[in-house]
Amino acid sequence: MPRTMAIRLPCITNAKKILRWSENHIPKGYFAVYVGEGERKRFVVPISFLGQPSFQELLNQAEEEYGFDHPMGALTIPCREEVFIDLTSQLSGL
């Protein structure tokens, strides 16, 4: 079973609001994704990320890799966790 991970980024004051950890509940305005190439971790991110070109590129990679058959039963993004955290950190500053 994949682990759910919380992100704490001291360089970004809004990080706690942007990336949230939740096992059973996804707040309104957010969605869950699984990230990783081996062991996948669950992240909850704001829906506003969907409109960002850099996040859309990750979604395109997910489509190429999995189509609509995601192995975790939810959106799975095939990239390293560090890359995802870096990208979402940049998006949260917009």
N, C-alpha and C. Protein backbone atom coordinates (compact mmCIF):
# COMPACT_ATOMS: atom_id res chain seq x y z
N MET A 1 0.85 -1.18 0.00
CA MET A 1 0.00 0.00 0.00
C MET A 1 0.89 1.24 0.00
N PRO A 2 0.60 2.21 -0.86
CA PRO A 2 1.44 3.39 -0.93
C PRO A 2 1.29 4.25 0.32
N ARG A 3 2.36 4.95 0.62
CA ARG A 3 2.31 5.86 1.76
C ARG A 3 1.80 7.21 1.30
N THR A 4 1.14 7.90 2.18
CA THR A 4 0.71 9.26 1.93
C THR A 4 1.74 10.15 2.59
N MET A 5 2.14 11.20 1.89
CA MET A 5 3.22 12.02 2.41
C MET A 5 2.81 13.47 2.53
N ALA A 6 3.21 14.06 3.62
CA ALA A 6 3.04 15.50 3.80
C ALA A 6 4.34 16.18 3.40
N ILE A 7 4.24 17.35 2.88
CA ILE A 7 5.41 18.11 2.47
C ILE A 7 5.52 19.33 3.38
N ARG A 8 6.69 19.56 3.90
CA ARG A 8 6.94 20.78 4.67
C ARG A 8 8.14 21.45 4.04
N LEU A 9 7.89 22.60 3.45
CA LEU A 9 8.94 23.33 2.76
C LEU A 9 9.14 24.66 3.48
N PRO A 10 10.23 24.79 4.22
CA PRO A 10 10.42 26.02 4.99
C PRO A 10 10.58 27.27 4.12
N CYS A 11 11.01 27.10 2.87
CA CYS A 11 11.22 28.28 2.02
C CYS A 11 9.92 28.85 1.48
N ILE A 12 8.83 28.14 1.62
CA ILE A 12 7.55 28.61 1.10
C ILE A 12 6.56 28.67 2.24
N THR A 13 6.06 29.86 2.52
CA THR A 13 5.16 30.02 3.66
C THR A 13 3.81 29.36 3.45
N ASN A 14 3.38 29.22 2.20
CA ASN A 14 2.08 28.62 1.92
C ASN A 14 2.15 27.12 1.70
N ALA A 15 3.31 26.51 1.84
CA ALA A 15 3.48 25.08 1.51
C ALA A 15 2.48 24.21 2.26
N LYS A 16 2.22 24.54 3.51
CA LYS A 16 1.30 23.72 4.29
C LYS A 16 -0.09 23.74 3.68
N LYS A 17 -0.49 24.87 3.11
CA LYS A 17 -1.81 24.97 2.49
C LYS A 17 -1.81 24.36 1.09
N ILE A 18 -0.68 24.41 0.39
CA ILE A 18 -0.62 23.96 -0.99
C ILE A 18 -0.58 22.44 -1.09
N LEU A 19 0.31 21.81 -0.36
CA LEU A 19 0.43 20.36 -0.40
C LEU A 19 -0.04 19.82 0.93
N ARG A 20 -1.14 19.12 0.91
CA ARG A 20 -1.74 18.65 2.16
C ARG A 20 -1.77 17.13 2.21
N TRP A 21 -1.60 16.64 3.41
CA TRP A 21 -1.65 15.21 3.63
C TRP A 21 -3.03 14.86 4.15
N SER A 22 -3.62 13.83 3.58
CA SER A 22 -4.92 13.39 4.02
C SER A 22 -5.10 11.94 3.61
N GLU A 23 -5.44 11.09 4.54
CA GLU A 23 -5.63 9.68 4.19
C GLU A 23 -7.02 9.40 3.63
N ASN A 24 -8.03 10.00 4.20
CA ASN A 24 -9.39 9.65 3.81
C ASN A 24 -10.19 10.82 3.25
N HIS A 25 -9.68 12.00 3.33
CA HIS A 25 -10.46 13.17 2.93
C HIS A 25 -9.62 14.06 2.02
N ILE A 26 -10.25 14.49 0.94
CA ILE A 26 -9.61 15.46 0.05
C ILE A 26 -10.43 16.74 0.15
N PRO A 27 -9.81 17.82 0.59
CA PRO A 27 -10.56 19.08 0.73
C PRO A 27 -11.11 19.56 -0.60
N LYS A 28 -12.19 20.29 -0.54
CA LYS A 28 -12.79 20.86 -1.74
C LYS A 28 -11.74 21.75 -2.42
N GLY A 29 -11.64 21.61 -3.74
CA GLY A 29 -10.68 22.40 -4.49
C GLY A 29 -9.33 21.74 -4.65
N TYR A 30 -9.21 20.49 -4.21
CA TYR A 30 -7.95 19.74 -4.29
C TYR A 30 -8.22 18.38 -4.94
N PHE A 31 -7.16 17.71 -5.36
CA PHE A 31 -7.27 16.35 -5.86
C PHE A 31 -6.02 15.58 -5.48
N ALA A 32 -6.14 14.26 -5.46
CA ALA A 32 -5.03 13.41 -5.07
C ALA A 32 -4.31 12.86 -6.29
N VAL A 33 -3.00 12.76 -6.18
CA VAL A 33 -2.18 12.13 -7.21
C VAL A 33 -1.18 11.21 -6.52
N TYR A 34 -0.77 10.19 -7.22
CA TYR A 34 0.31 9.33 -6.76
C TYR A 34 1.53 9.65 -7.60
N VAL A 35 2.66 9.81 -6.94
CA VAL A 35 3.89 10.24 -7.61
C VAL A 35 5.01 9.28 -7.26
N GLY A 36 5.81 8.95 -8.27
CA GLY A 36 6.99 8.14 -8.05
C GLY A 36 7.19 7.15 -9.15
N GLU A 37 8.42 6.71 -9.27
CA GLU A 37 8.76 5.73 -10.29
C GLU A 37 8.77 4.31 -9.73
N GLY A 38 9.07 4.15 -8.47
CA GLY A 38 9.04 2.85 -7.81
C GLY A 38 7.91 2.86 -6.79
N GLU A 39 8.28 3.12 -5.56
CA GLU A 39 7.27 3.29 -4.51
C GLU A 39 6.58 4.62 -4.74
N ARG A 40 5.28 4.62 -4.77
CA ARG A 40 4.54 5.85 -5.04
C ARG A 40 4.00 6.44 -3.74
N LYS A 41 4.00 7.75 -3.69
CA LYS A 41 3.47 8.46 -2.54
C LYS A 41 2.29 9.31 -3.00
N ARG A 42 1.35 9.47 -2.09
CA ARG A 42 0.12 10.21 -2.40
C ARG A 42 0.29 11.66 -1.97
N PHE A 43 -0.07 12.57 -2.88
CA PHE A 43 -0.06 13.99 -2.61
C PHE A 43 -1.44 14.55 -2.90
N VAL A 44 -1.82 15.56 -2.16
CA VAL A 44 -3.08 16.26 -2.40
C VAL A 44 -2.69 17.67 -2.84
N VAL A 45 -3.11 18.04 -4.05
CA VAL A 45 -2.70 19.32 -4.64
C VAL A 45 -3.92 20.12 -5.07
N PRO A 46 -3.78 21.43 -5.17
CA PRO A 46 -4.92 22.26 -5.57
C PRO A 46 -5.29 22.07 -7.04
N ILE A 47 -6.55 22.15 -7.32
CA ILE A 47 -7.05 22.01 -8.68
C ILE A 47 -6.48 23.11 -9.58
N SER A 48 -6.13 24.24 -9.03
CA SER A 48 -5.58 25.34 -9.83
C SER A 48 -4.30 24.94 -10.56
N PHE A 49 -3.59 23.91 -10.08
CA PHE A 49 -2.39 23.44 -10.77
C PHE A 49 -2.71 22.89 -12.16
N LEU A 50 -3.95 22.44 -12.36
CA LEU A 50 -4.32 21.84 -13.65
C LEU A 50 -4.18 22.82 -14.81
N GLY A 51 -4.29 24.10 -14.55
CA GLY A 51 -4.18 25.11 -15.59
C GLY A 51 -2.76 25.55 -15.89
N GLN A 52 -1.79 25.06 -15.14
CA GLN A 52 -0.41 25.48 -15.32
C GLN A 52 0.29 24.61 -16.37
N PRO A 53 0.97 25.21 -17.35
CA PRO A 53 1.62 24.45 -18.42
C PRO A 53 2.61 23.39 -17.91
N SER A 54 3.37 23.70 -16.89
CA SER A 54 4.35 22.73 -16.39
C SER A 54 3.65 21.53 -15.75
N PHE A 55 2.52 21.74 -15.09
CA PHE A 55 1.78 20.62 -14.52
C PHE A 55 1.09 19.83 -15.62
N GLN A 56 0.63 20.53 -16.65
CA GLN A 56 0.01 19.85 -17.78
C GLN A 56 1.01 18.92 -18.47
N GLU A 57 2.28 19.31 -18.48
CA GLU A 57 3.31 18.44 -19.05
C GLU A 57 3.41 17.13 -18.26
N LEU A 58 3.32 17.22 -16.94
CA LEU A 58 3.31 15.99 -16.13
C LEU A 58 2.09 15.14 -16.46
N LEU A 59 0.96 15.79 -16.67
CA LEU A 59 -0.26 15.04 -17.03
C LEU A 59 -0.11 14.37 -18.39
N ASN A 60 0.56 15.03 -19.32
CA ASN A 60 0.82 14.42 -20.63
C ASN A 60 1.71 13.19 -20.48
N GLN A 61 2.71 13.27 -19.62
CA GLN A 61 3.57 12.12 -19.36
C GLN A 61 2.77 10.97 -18.77
N ALA A 62 1.86 11.30 -17.86
CA ALA A 62 1.02 10.27 -17.25
C ALA A 62 0.13 9.62 -18.31
N GLU A 63 -0.40 10.42 -19.23
CA GLU A 63 -1.25 9.88 -20.29
C GLU A 63 -0.44 8.95 -21.19
N GLU A 64 0.78 9.35 -21.54
CA GLU A 64 1.62 8.51 -22.39
C GLU A 64 1.98 7.19 -21.70
N GLU A 65 2.23 7.27 -20.41
CA GLU A 65 2.64 6.09 -19.65
C GLU A 65 1.49 5.15 -19.35
N TYR A 66 0.35 5.69 -18.92
CA TYR A 66 -0.74 4.86 -18.41
C TYR A 66 -2.04 4.95 -19.21
N GLY A 67 -2.19 5.95 -20.07
CA GLY A 67 -3.48 6.14 -20.72
C GLY A 67 -4.49 6.50 -19.65
N PHE A 68 -5.62 5.78 -19.65
CA PHE A 68 -6.62 6.02 -18.61
C PHE A 68 -6.67 4.89 -17.59
N ASP A 69 -5.69 4.00 -17.65
CA ASP A 69 -5.63 2.87 -16.73
C ASP A 69 -4.50 3.09 -15.73
N HIS A 70 -4.79 3.85 -14.70
CA HIS A 70 -3.78 4.17 -13.69
C HIS A 70 -3.72 3.05 -12.66
N PRO A 71 -2.52 2.54 -12.40
CA PRO A 71 -2.36 1.37 -11.53
C PRO A 71 -2.80 1.58 -10.09
N MET A 72 -2.81 2.81 -9.61
CA MET A 72 -3.17 3.07 -8.22
C MET A 72 -4.67 3.34 -8.06
N GLY A 73 -5.41 3.34 -9.17
CA GLY A 73 -6.83 3.63 -9.10
C GLY A 73 -7.11 5.12 -9.06
N ALA A 74 -6.08 5.93 -9.12
CA ALA A 74 -6.19 7.38 -9.15
C ALA A 74 -5.08 7.89 -10.07
N LEU A 75 -5.08 9.16 -10.34
CA LEU A 75 -4.08 9.73 -11.22
C LEU A 75 -2.68 9.42 -10.70
N THR A 76 -1.87 8.81 -11.55
CA THR A 76 -0.50 8.45 -11.20
C THR A 76 0.44 9.21 -12.12
N ILE A 77 1.39 9.92 -11.53
CA ILE A 77 2.34 10.71 -12.31
C ILE A 77 3.70 10.03 -12.25
N PRO A 78 4.22 9.61 -13.41
CA PRO A 78 5.47 8.86 -13.45
C PRO A 78 6.70 9.77 -13.46
N CYS A 79 7.00 10.38 -12.33
CA CYS A 79 8.22 11.18 -12.23
C CYS A 79 8.78 11.00 -10.83
N ARG A 80 10.03 11.39 -10.67
CA ARG A 80 10.65 11.29 -9.35
C ARG A 80 9.96 12.24 -8.38
N GLU A 81 9.86 11.81 -7.16
CA GLU A 81 9.21 12.61 -6.12
C GLU A 81 9.86 13.99 -5.98
N GLU A 82 11.19 14.04 -6.08
CA GLU A 82 11.91 15.31 -5.95
C GLU A 82 11.52 16.29 -7.05
N VAL A 83 11.34 15.79 -8.26
CA VAL A 83 10.93 16.63 -9.39
C VAL A 83 9.54 17.19 -9.14
N PHE A 84 8.63 16.34 -8.66
CA PHE A 84 7.26 16.77 -8.38
C PHE A 84 7.24 17.83 -7.28
N ILE A 85 7.99 17.62 -6.23
CA ILE A 85 8.03 18.58 -5.12
C ILE A 85 8.60 19.91 -5.61
N ASP A 86 9.65 19.86 -6.42
CA ASP A 86 10.25 21.08 -6.94
C ASP A 86 9.24 21.85 -7.80
N LEU A 87 8.56 21.13 -8.69
CA LEU A 87 7.57 21.76 -9.57
C LEU A 87 6.43 22.39 -8.77
N THR A 88 5.87 21.63 -7.84
CA THR A 88 4.74 22.15 -7.07
C THR A 88 5.16 23.30 -6.16
N SER A 89 6.40 23.30 -5.72
CA SER A 89 6.92 24.42 -4.92
C SER A 89 6.95 25.69 -5.77
N GLN A 90 7.39 25.54 -7.03
CA GLN A 90 7.42 26.69 -7.92
C GLN A 90 6.01 27.18 -8.24
N LEU A 91 5.08 26.25 -8.46
CA LEU A 91 3.70 26.64 -8.77
C LEU A 91 3.02 27.31 -7.59
N SER A 92 3.37 26.92 -6.40
CA SER A 92 2.72 27.51 -5.22
C SER A 92 3.14 28.96 -5.02
N GLY A 93 4.24 29.35 -5.62
CA GLY A 93 4.71 30.73 -5.52
C GLY A 93 4.07 31.67 -6.52
N LEU A 94 3.27 31.11 -7.44
CA LEU A 94 2.64 31.95 -8.47
C LEU A 94 1.45 32.71 -7.94
